[in-house]
Protein backbone atom coordinates (compact mmCIF):
# COMPACT_ATOMS: atom_id res chain seq x y z
CA MET A 1 -11.90 -4.81 -0.01
CA ALA A 2 -11.89 -1.87 -2.40
CA LEU A 3 -11.42 1.65 -1.14
CA GLN A 4 -14.77 3.43 -0.80
CA HIS A 5 -15.73 7.11 -0.71
CA ALA A 6 -18.25 8.50 1.76
CA ASN A 7 -20.19 11.69 2.33
CA ASP A 8 -22.50 12.88 5.12
CA GLU A 9 -25.39 10.78 3.80
CA THR A 10 -23.54 7.51 3.14
CA PHE A 11 -21.16 7.59 6.11
CA PRO A 12 -23.33 5.86 8.76
CA SER A 13 -24.00 2.83 6.56
CA MET A 14 -20.31 2.48 5.65
CA ILE A 15 -18.99 2.13 9.20
CA GLY A 16 -21.56 -0.32 10.55
CA ASP A 17 -19.95 -3.71 9.97
CA GLY A 18 -16.56 -4.92 11.15
CA ILE A 19 -13.47 -2.76 11.32
CA THR A 20 -13.49 0.41 9.26
CA LEU A 21 -10.74 3.00 8.87
CA VAL A 22 -11.88 6.39 7.63
CA ASP A 23 -9.41 8.91 6.18
CA PHE A 24 -10.69 12.48 6.54
CA TRP A 25 -8.90 14.61 3.96
CA ALA A 26 -9.16 17.57 1.56
CA THR A 27 -7.79 18.23 -1.92
CA TRP A 28 -6.02 21.41 -0.74
CA CYS A 29 -4.15 19.53 2.03
CA GLY A 30 -0.56 18.61 1.07
CA PRO A 31 -0.07 15.94 3.74
CA CYS A 32 -3.46 14.47 2.77
CA ARG A 33 -2.32 14.12 -0.84
CA MET A 34 0.84 12.38 0.40
CA PHE A 35 -1.13 10.03 2.67
CA GLY A 36 -3.80 9.12 0.09
CA PRO A 37 -1.64 6.63 -1.87
CA ILE A 38 -0.41 5.05 1.39
CA PHE A 39 -3.98 4.56 2.63
CA GLU A 40 -4.99 3.11 -0.73
CA SER A 41 -2.03 0.74 -0.80
CA VAL A 42 -2.86 -0.65 2.64
CA SER A 43 -6.51 -1.03 1.59
CA GLU A 44 -5.41 -3.20 -1.34
CA LYS A 45 -3.32 -5.47 0.90
CA ILE A 46 -5.79 -5.98 3.75
CA GLY A 47 -9.05 -7.44 2.48
CA ASP A 48 -10.98 -7.99 5.71
CA VAL A 49 -11.07 -4.33 6.82
CA ASN A 50 -13.14 -1.52 5.29
CA PHE A 51 -11.20 1.53 4.09
CA VAL A 52 -13.18 4.71 3.50
CA LYS A 53 -12.12 8.16 2.34
CA PHE A 54 -14.16 11.17 3.43
CA GLU A 55 -13.39 14.45 1.69
CA ILE A 56 -14.05 17.43 3.89
CA ASP A 57 -15.64 20.10 1.71
CA GLU A 58 -18.50 22.60 1.71
CA THR A 59 -21.16 19.89 1.35
CA ASN A 60 -19.77 17.44 3.91
CA ARG A 61 -19.54 19.23 7.24
CA ARG A 62 -21.83 17.28 9.58
CA THR A 63 -19.72 14.14 9.96
CA PRO A 64 -16.37 15.89 10.60
CA ALA A 65 -18.09 18.16 13.14
CA LYS A 66 -19.70 15.17 14.87
CA TYR A 67 -16.31 13.50 15.35
CA GLY A 68 -14.38 16.69 16.18
CA ILE A 69 -12.09 16.62 13.15
CA ARG A 70 -9.89 19.70 13.52
CA SER A 71 -6.74 18.59 11.67
CA ILE A 72 -6.28 16.57 8.54
CA PRO A 73 -5.34 14.00 7.59
CA SER A 74 -7.18 12.30 10.43
CA VAL A 75 -7.95 8.59 10.42
CA LEU A 76 -10.72 7.26 12.62
CA ALA A 77 -11.06 3.57 13.42
CA PHE A 78 -14.52 2.09 13.96
CA LYS A 79 -15.62 -1.35 15.08
CA ASN A 80 -19.21 -2.16 14.18
CA GLY A 81 -20.07 1.53 14.00
CA GLU A 82 -18.41 2.54 17.28
CA LEU A 83 -15.40 4.87 17.26
CA VAL A 84 -12.47 3.09 18.93
CA GLU A 85 -9.45 5.25 18.07
CA ALA A 86 -8.34 8.30 16.11
CA ARG A 87 -4.95 9.29 14.77
CA THR A 88 -3.97 12.57 13.15
CA GLY A 89 -1.15 13.35 10.78
CA LEU A 90 0.83 11.66 8.07
CA MET A 91 1.58 7.97 8.68
CA ASP A 92 3.72 5.59 6.65
CA GLU A 93 2.44 2.27 5.30
CA GLU A 94 4.09 0.20 8.04
CA THR A 95 2.43 2.31 10.77
CA VAL A 96 -1.02 2.00 9.21
CA THR A 97 -0.59 -1.75 8.70
CA ALA A 98 0.57 -2.26 12.29
CA TRP A 99 -2.38 -0.21 13.56
CA VAL A 100 -4.83 -2.32 11.55
CA ASN A 101 -3.29 -5.49 12.95
CA GLU A 102 -3.63 -4.10 16.50
CA LEU A 103 -7.30 -3.32 15.84
CA LYS A 104 -7.91 -6.80 14.50
CA ALA A 105 -6.25 -8.40 17.54
CA SER A 106 -8.21 -6.40 20.10
């Protein structure tokens, strides 16, 4: 499934079905810029999971506040709209792929 981009208004509808990983990031964040291509690469290889990027900026503050995002990059995993796990910091492609496989198996 193609990588999607969310904001405060579109976020609830994007996490409702199946497994969704959401990358909270910002353009000024160096580790976020390093993680972006990794997240995108995994999204291209795993078609049955939703991958969403959420840029934290002046207009998108409600959703990060709701989920307590204090450090970026942060990736939240949802199953059918329910938060099941969160991880913070730079991850490599193997780690993200293994995490997705764990989520799919549980």
